[in-house]
Amino acid sequence: MTIPGDTVNVASRIEGACKTVGYSILVSAAMVEKAHALATLPAGSMELKGRSGREAVFLLIGDETLRAASAFQALEASHATLLACLASGILDEEALARCQSLAPQVDPDLVRF
């Protein structure tokens, strides 16, 4: 049985991008919109085969319990700061170091990201 459609194709391409990003579960912006209570972090945007333009992708780290945890909230805030700096063309070494120290407390696999 096959399930055709754009959603399935995008999901397949995003799954294939896990190796590039260094994390085992990536989801689309549409998924984050529908499941906003889950613990996710922006992972940038990627060109996906068969799509025009870039697709925003997010790490899916955990459920709503993890999202409410202080360790995740601290990582989320530091990650947002780091991304804002990078968008301005600045590498904030302090924000990067905070993210690197907080990540293993949330999920040891985040170290690869």
N, C-alpha and C. Protein backbone atom coordinates (compact mmCIF):
# COMPACT_ATOMS: atom_id res chain seq x y z
N MET A 1 0.85 -1.18 0.00
CA MET A 1 0.00 0.00 0.00
C MET A 1 0.89 1.24 0.00
N THR A 2 0.57 2.20 -0.81
CA THR A 2 1.30 3.46 -0.81
C THR A 2 0.36 4.60 -0.45
N ILE A 3 0.93 5.61 0.15
CA ILE A 3 0.15 6.78 0.52
C ILE A 3 0.76 7.96 -0.22
N PRO A 4 0.14 8.39 -1.31
CA PRO A 4 0.69 9.50 -2.07
C PRO A 4 0.34 10.83 -1.43
N GLY A 5 1.06 11.82 -1.81
CA GLY A 5 0.70 13.15 -1.37
C GLY A 5 1.88 13.96 -0.89
N ASP A 6 1.68 15.26 -0.92
CA ASP A 6 2.72 16.20 -0.56
C ASP A 6 3.18 16.03 0.88
N THR A 7 2.25 15.83 1.80
CA THR A 7 2.61 15.70 3.22
C THR A 7 3.53 14.52 3.45
N VAL A 8 3.23 13.40 2.82
CA VAL A 8 4.06 12.20 2.97
C VAL A 8 5.43 12.42 2.35
N ASN A 9 5.48 13.09 1.19
CA ASN A 9 6.76 13.36 0.55
C ASN A 9 7.63 14.27 1.41
N VAL A 10 7.04 15.32 1.97
CA VAL A 10 7.79 16.23 2.83
C VAL A 10 8.29 15.49 4.06
N ALA A 11 7.44 14.68 4.67
CA ALA A 11 7.84 13.91 5.85
C ALA A 11 9.01 12.99 5.53
N SER A 12 8.98 12.37 4.39
CA SER A 12 10.06 11.48 3.98
C SER A 12 11.36 12.24 3.79
N ARG A 13 11.29 13.41 3.17
CA ARG A 13 12.49 14.23 2.95
C ARG A 13 13.05 14.74 4.28
N ILE A 14 12.17 15.14 5.18
CA ILE A 14 12.61 15.62 6.49
C ILE A 14 13.27 14.48 7.26
N GLU A 15 12.68 13.30 7.20
CA GLU A 15 13.28 12.15 7.88
C GLU A 15 14.69 11.89 7.36
N GLY A 16 14.87 12.05 6.07
CA GLY A 16 16.18 11.86 5.48
C GLY A 16 17.20 12.91 5.91
N ALA A 17 16.71 14.06 6.37
CA ALA A 17 17.60 15.14 6.79
C ALA A 17 18.11 14.96 8.22
N CYS A 18 17.60 13.98 8.93
CA CYS A 18 18.04 13.76 10.32
C CYS A 18 19.55 13.57 10.42
N LYS A 19 20.13 12.86 9.49
CA LYS A 19 21.58 12.63 9.51
C LYS A 19 22.34 13.94 9.37
N THR A 20 21.87 14.81 8.50
CA THR A 20 22.52 16.09 8.28
C THR A 20 22.47 16.96 9.53
N VAL A 21 21.34 16.97 10.18
CA VAL A 21 21.14 17.81 11.36
C VAL A 21 21.78 17.22 12.61
N GLY A 22 21.86 15.90 12.67
CA GLY A 22 22.46 15.26 13.84
C GLY A 22 21.48 14.99 14.96
N TYR A 23 20.21 14.82 14.60
CA TYR A 23 19.21 14.49 15.61
C TYR A 23 18.21 13.52 15.00
N SER A 24 17.64 12.64 15.81
CA SER A 24 16.87 11.53 15.26
C SER A 24 15.43 11.86 14.87
N ILE A 25 14.86 12.94 15.37
CA ILE A 25 13.48 13.25 15.01
C ILE A 25 13.37 14.72 14.62
N LEU A 26 13.03 14.95 13.36
CA LEU A 26 12.76 16.28 12.84
C LEU A 26 11.31 16.34 12.40
N VAL A 27 10.73 17.52 12.54
CA VAL A 27 9.35 17.73 12.09
C VAL A 27 9.26 19.06 11.35
N SER A 28 8.18 19.20 10.62
CA SER A 28 7.95 20.42 9.84
C SER A 28 7.30 21.50 10.71
N ALA A 29 7.27 22.71 10.16
CA ALA A 29 6.60 23.82 10.85
C ALA A 29 5.11 23.53 11.00
N ALA A 30 4.52 22.87 10.01
CA ALA A 30 3.10 22.53 10.09
C ALA A 30 2.83 21.60 11.27
N MET A 31 3.73 20.66 11.51
CA MET A 31 3.58 19.75 12.65
C MET A 31 3.70 20.52 13.97
N VAL A 32 4.66 21.42 14.05
CA VAL A 32 4.85 22.20 15.28
C VAL A 32 3.61 23.05 15.55
N GLU A 33 3.01 23.60 14.50
CA GLU A 33 1.79 24.39 14.65
C GLU A 33 0.66 23.58 15.25
N LYS A 34 0.53 22.35 14.78
CA LYS A 34 -0.56 21.49 15.24
C LYS A 34 -0.28 20.87 16.61
N ALA A 35 0.98 20.69 16.93
CA ALA A 35 1.35 20.04 18.19
C ALA A 35 2.23 20.99 19.01
N HIS A 36 1.77 22.22 19.16
CA HIS A 36 2.57 23.28 19.80
C HIS A 36 2.90 23.01 21.26
N ALA A 37 2.26 22.06 21.89
CA ALA A 37 2.55 21.75 23.29
C ALA A 37 3.79 20.88 23.45
N LEU A 38 4.29 20.32 22.36
CA LEU A 38 5.46 19.45 22.43
C LEU A 38 6.75 20.27 22.54
N ALA A 39 7.78 19.65 23.07
CA ALA A 39 9.09 20.30 23.22
C ALA A 39 9.83 20.22 21.89
N THR A 40 9.96 21.36 21.22
CA THR A 40 10.66 21.43 19.94
C THR A 40 11.64 22.59 19.96
N LEU A 41 12.64 22.50 19.11
CA LEU A 41 13.59 23.59 18.91
C LEU A 41 13.78 23.80 17.42
N PRO A 42 13.84 25.04 16.97
CA PRO A 42 14.11 25.30 15.55
C PRO A 42 15.49 24.75 15.15
N ALA A 43 15.54 24.13 13.98
CA ALA A 43 16.79 23.57 13.48
C ALA A 43 17.19 24.19 12.15
N GLY A 44 16.59 25.32 11.82
CA GLY A 44 16.92 25.99 10.57
C GLY A 44 15.95 25.63 9.48
N SER A 45 16.39 25.83 8.26
CA SER A 45 15.56 25.47 7.10
C SER A 45 16.43 24.72 6.11
N MET A 46 15.76 23.90 5.33
CA MET A 46 16.49 23.03 4.40
C MET A 46 15.79 23.03 3.05
N GLU A 47 16.60 22.84 2.03
CA GLU A 47 16.03 22.58 0.71
C GLU A 47 15.70 21.10 0.66
N LEU A 48 14.48 20.81 0.32
CA LEU A 48 14.03 19.43 0.24
C LEU A 48 13.73 19.09 -1.21
N LYS A 49 14.19 17.94 -1.64
CA LYS A 49 14.00 17.50 -3.02
C LYS A 49 12.52 17.55 -3.38
N GLY A 50 12.24 18.13 -4.52
CA GLY A 50 10.87 18.20 -5.00
C GLY A 50 10.08 19.37 -4.46
N ARG A 51 10.71 20.24 -3.68
CA ARG A 51 10.02 21.40 -3.10
C ARG A 51 10.69 22.67 -3.59
N SER A 52 9.90 23.68 -3.85
CA SER A 52 10.49 24.97 -4.19
C SER A 52 10.64 25.75 -2.88
N GLY A 53 11.74 26.41 -2.72
CA GLY A 53 11.98 27.13 -1.48
C GLY A 53 12.48 26.21 -0.38
N ARG A 54 12.71 26.79 0.75
CA ARG A 54 13.24 26.05 1.89
C ARG A 54 12.12 25.74 2.88
N GLU A 55 12.26 24.64 3.59
CA GLU A 55 11.29 24.22 4.60
C GLU A 55 11.92 24.37 5.98
N ALA A 56 11.22 25.03 6.88
CA ALA A 56 11.69 25.12 8.26
C ALA A 56 11.55 23.74 8.90
N VAL A 57 12.57 23.35 9.65
CA VAL A 57 12.54 22.08 10.36
C VAL A 57 12.82 22.31 11.84
N PHE A 58 12.31 21.42 12.65
CA PHE A 58 12.41 21.53 14.10
C PHE A 58 12.81 20.19 14.69
N LEU A 59 13.61 20.23 15.74
CA LEU A 59 13.90 19.02 16.50
C LEU A 59 12.68 18.72 17.36
N LEU A 60 12.21 17.50 17.36
CA LEU A 60 11.14 17.09 18.27
C LEU A 60 11.83 16.37 19.42
N ILE A 61 11.87 17.03 20.57
CA ILE A 61 12.66 16.55 21.69
C ILE A 61 11.83 15.77 22.70
N GLY A 62 10.58 16.17 22.88
CA GLY A 62 9.78 15.45 23.86
C GLY A 62 8.35 15.95 23.94
N ASP A 63 7.67 15.47 24.95
CA ASP A 63 6.26 15.76 25.13
C ASP A 63 6.05 17.05 25.93
N GLU A 64 4.80 17.30 26.30
CA GLU A 64 4.46 18.52 27.02
C GLU A 64 5.07 18.57 28.42
N THR A 65 5.34 17.41 29.01
CA THR A 65 5.98 17.39 30.33
C THR A 65 7.41 17.92 30.21
N LEU A 66 8.12 17.49 29.19
CA LEU A 66 9.47 18.01 28.98
C LEU A 66 9.43 19.49 28.65
N ARG A 67 8.46 19.90 27.84
CA ARG A 67 8.35 21.33 27.48
C ARG A 67 8.17 22.19 28.73
N ALA A 68 7.52 21.68 29.75
CA ALA A 68 7.29 22.45 30.98
C ALA A 68 8.49 22.41 31.92
N ALA A 69 9.44 21.55 31.68
CA ALA A 69 10.60 21.40 32.57
C ALA A 69 11.51 22.62 32.49
N SER A 70 12.04 23.00 33.62
CA SER A 70 12.89 24.19 33.67
C SER A 70 14.15 24.03 32.82
N ALA A 71 14.70 22.84 32.75
CA ALA A 71 15.91 22.61 31.94
C ALA A 71 15.61 22.87 30.46
N PHE A 72 14.46 22.39 29.97
CA PHE A 72 14.11 22.63 28.57
C PHE A 72 13.86 24.12 28.34
N GLN A 73 13.15 24.76 29.25
CA GLN A 73 12.85 26.18 29.07
C GLN A 73 14.12 27.03 29.04
N ALA A 74 15.09 26.66 29.85
CA ALA A 74 16.37 27.38 29.83
C ALA A 74 17.08 27.16 28.50
N LEU A 75 17.07 25.92 28.00
CA LEU A 75 17.70 25.62 26.71
C LEU A 75 16.97 26.35 25.59
N GLU A 76 15.66 26.34 25.63
CA GLU A 76 14.86 27.01 24.61
C GLU A 76 15.19 28.51 24.54
N ALA A 77 15.31 29.14 25.69
CA ALA A 77 15.64 30.57 25.74
C ALA A 77 17.05 30.83 25.22
N SER A 78 18.00 30.02 25.63
CA SER A 78 19.38 30.19 25.16
C SER A 78 19.49 29.93 23.66
N HIS A 79 18.76 28.93 23.20
CA HIS A 79 18.75 28.60 21.77
C HIS A 79 18.18 29.78 20.96
N ALA A 80 17.11 30.38 21.45
CA ALA A 80 16.49 31.52 20.77
C ALA A 80 17.47 32.70 20.72
N THR A 81 18.19 32.93 21.81
CA THR A 81 19.19 34.00 21.84
C THR A 81 20.29 33.73 20.82
N LEU A 82 20.77 32.51 20.79
CA LEU A 82 21.82 32.14 19.85
C LEU A 82 21.36 32.32 18.41
N LEU A 83 20.14 31.88 18.09
CA LEU A 83 19.63 32.01 16.74
C LEU A 83 19.46 33.47 16.33
N ALA A 84 19.01 34.30 17.26
CA ALA A 84 18.86 35.73 16.98
C ALA A 84 20.21 36.37 16.67
N CYS A 85 21.21 36.00 17.43
CA CYS A 85 22.56 36.52 17.18
C CYS A 85 23.08 36.06 15.83
N LEU A 86 22.90 34.78 15.53
CA LEU A 86 23.36 34.24 14.25
C LEU A 86 22.65 34.91 13.08
N ALA A 87 21.36 35.20 13.25
CA ALA A 87 20.59 35.88 12.20
C ALA A 87 21.13 37.29 11.95
N SER A 88 21.74 37.88 12.97
CA SER A 88 22.35 39.21 12.85
C SER A 88 23.79 39.14 12.37
N GLY A 89 24.27 37.92 12.13
CA GLY A 89 25.64 37.75 11.67
C GLY A 89 26.67 37.73 12.78
N ILE A 90 26.21 37.49 14.00
CA ILE A 90 27.11 37.49 15.17
C ILE A 90 27.10 36.10 15.80
N LEU A 91 28.27 35.58 16.07
CA LEU A 91 28.37 34.33 16.83
C LEU A 91 28.59 34.70 18.29
N ASP A 92 27.57 34.50 19.10
CA ASP A 92 27.64 34.78 20.53
C ASP A 92 28.20 33.55 21.22
N GLU A 93 29.49 33.58 21.51
CA GLU A 93 30.17 32.43 22.12
C GLU A 93 29.54 32.05 23.46
N GLU A 94 29.10 33.04 24.21
CA GLU A 94 28.49 32.78 25.52
C GLU A 94 27.16 32.03 25.36
N ALA A 95 26.33 32.47 24.42
CA ALA A 95 25.05 31.79 24.17
C ALA A 95 25.29 30.37 23.66
N LEU A 96 26.28 30.21 22.80
CA LEU A 96 26.63 28.88 22.31
C LEU A 96 27.07 27.97 23.46
N ALA A 97 27.92 28.49 24.34
CA ALA A 97 28.38 27.70 25.48
C ALA A 97 27.22 27.32 26.41
N ARG A 98 26.28 28.25 26.60
CA ARG A 98 25.09 27.94 27.43
C ARG A 98 24.29 26.81 26.81
N CYS A 99 24.08 26.89 25.50
CA CYS A 99 23.33 25.83 24.82
C CYS A 99 24.05 24.49 24.95
N GLN A 100 25.36 24.51 24.78
CA GLN A 100 26.13 23.27 24.87
C GLN A 100 26.11 22.68 26.27
N SER A 101 26.04 23.52 27.29
CA SER A 101 26.00 23.00 28.66
C SER A 101 24.59 22.55 29.06
N LEU A 102 23.57 23.19 28.52
CA LEU A 102 22.19 22.83 28.86
C LEU A 102 21.67 21.62 28.08
N ALA A 103 22.13 21.45 26.85
CA ALA A 103 21.60 20.41 25.97
C ALA A 103 21.63 19.02 26.59
N PRO A 104 22.76 18.57 27.16
CA PRO A 104 22.78 17.20 27.70
C PRO A 104 21.84 17.00 28.89
N GLN A 105 21.48 18.07 29.56
CA GLN A 105 20.54 17.96 30.67
C GLN A 105 19.13 17.67 30.18
N VAL A 106 18.83 18.10 28.96
CA VAL A 106 17.51 17.89 28.36
C VAL A 106 17.47 16.56 27.62
N ASP A 107 18.48 16.32 26.78
CA ASP A 107 18.57 15.08 26.02
C ASP A 107 20.03 14.91 25.58
N PRO A 108 20.69 13.86 26.04
CA PRO A 108 22.11 13.65 25.68
C PRO A 108 22.34 13.64 24.17
N ASP A 109 21.35 13.26 23.38
CA ASP A 109 21.52 13.23 21.92
C ASP A 109 21.61 14.63 21.30
N LEU A 110 21.23 15.65 22.06
CA LEU A 110 21.31 17.02 21.54
C LEU A 110 22.75 17.49 21.36
N VAL A 111 23.69 16.82 21.99
CA VAL A 111 25.10 17.20 21.89
C VAL A 111 25.56 17.16 20.43
N ARG A 112 25.04 16.20 19.66
CA ARG A 112 25.41 16.09 18.24
C ARG A 112 24.85 17.22 17.40
N PHE A 113 23.74 17.80 17.84
CA PHE A 113 23.10 18.88 17.09
C PHE A 113 23.93 20.13 17.26
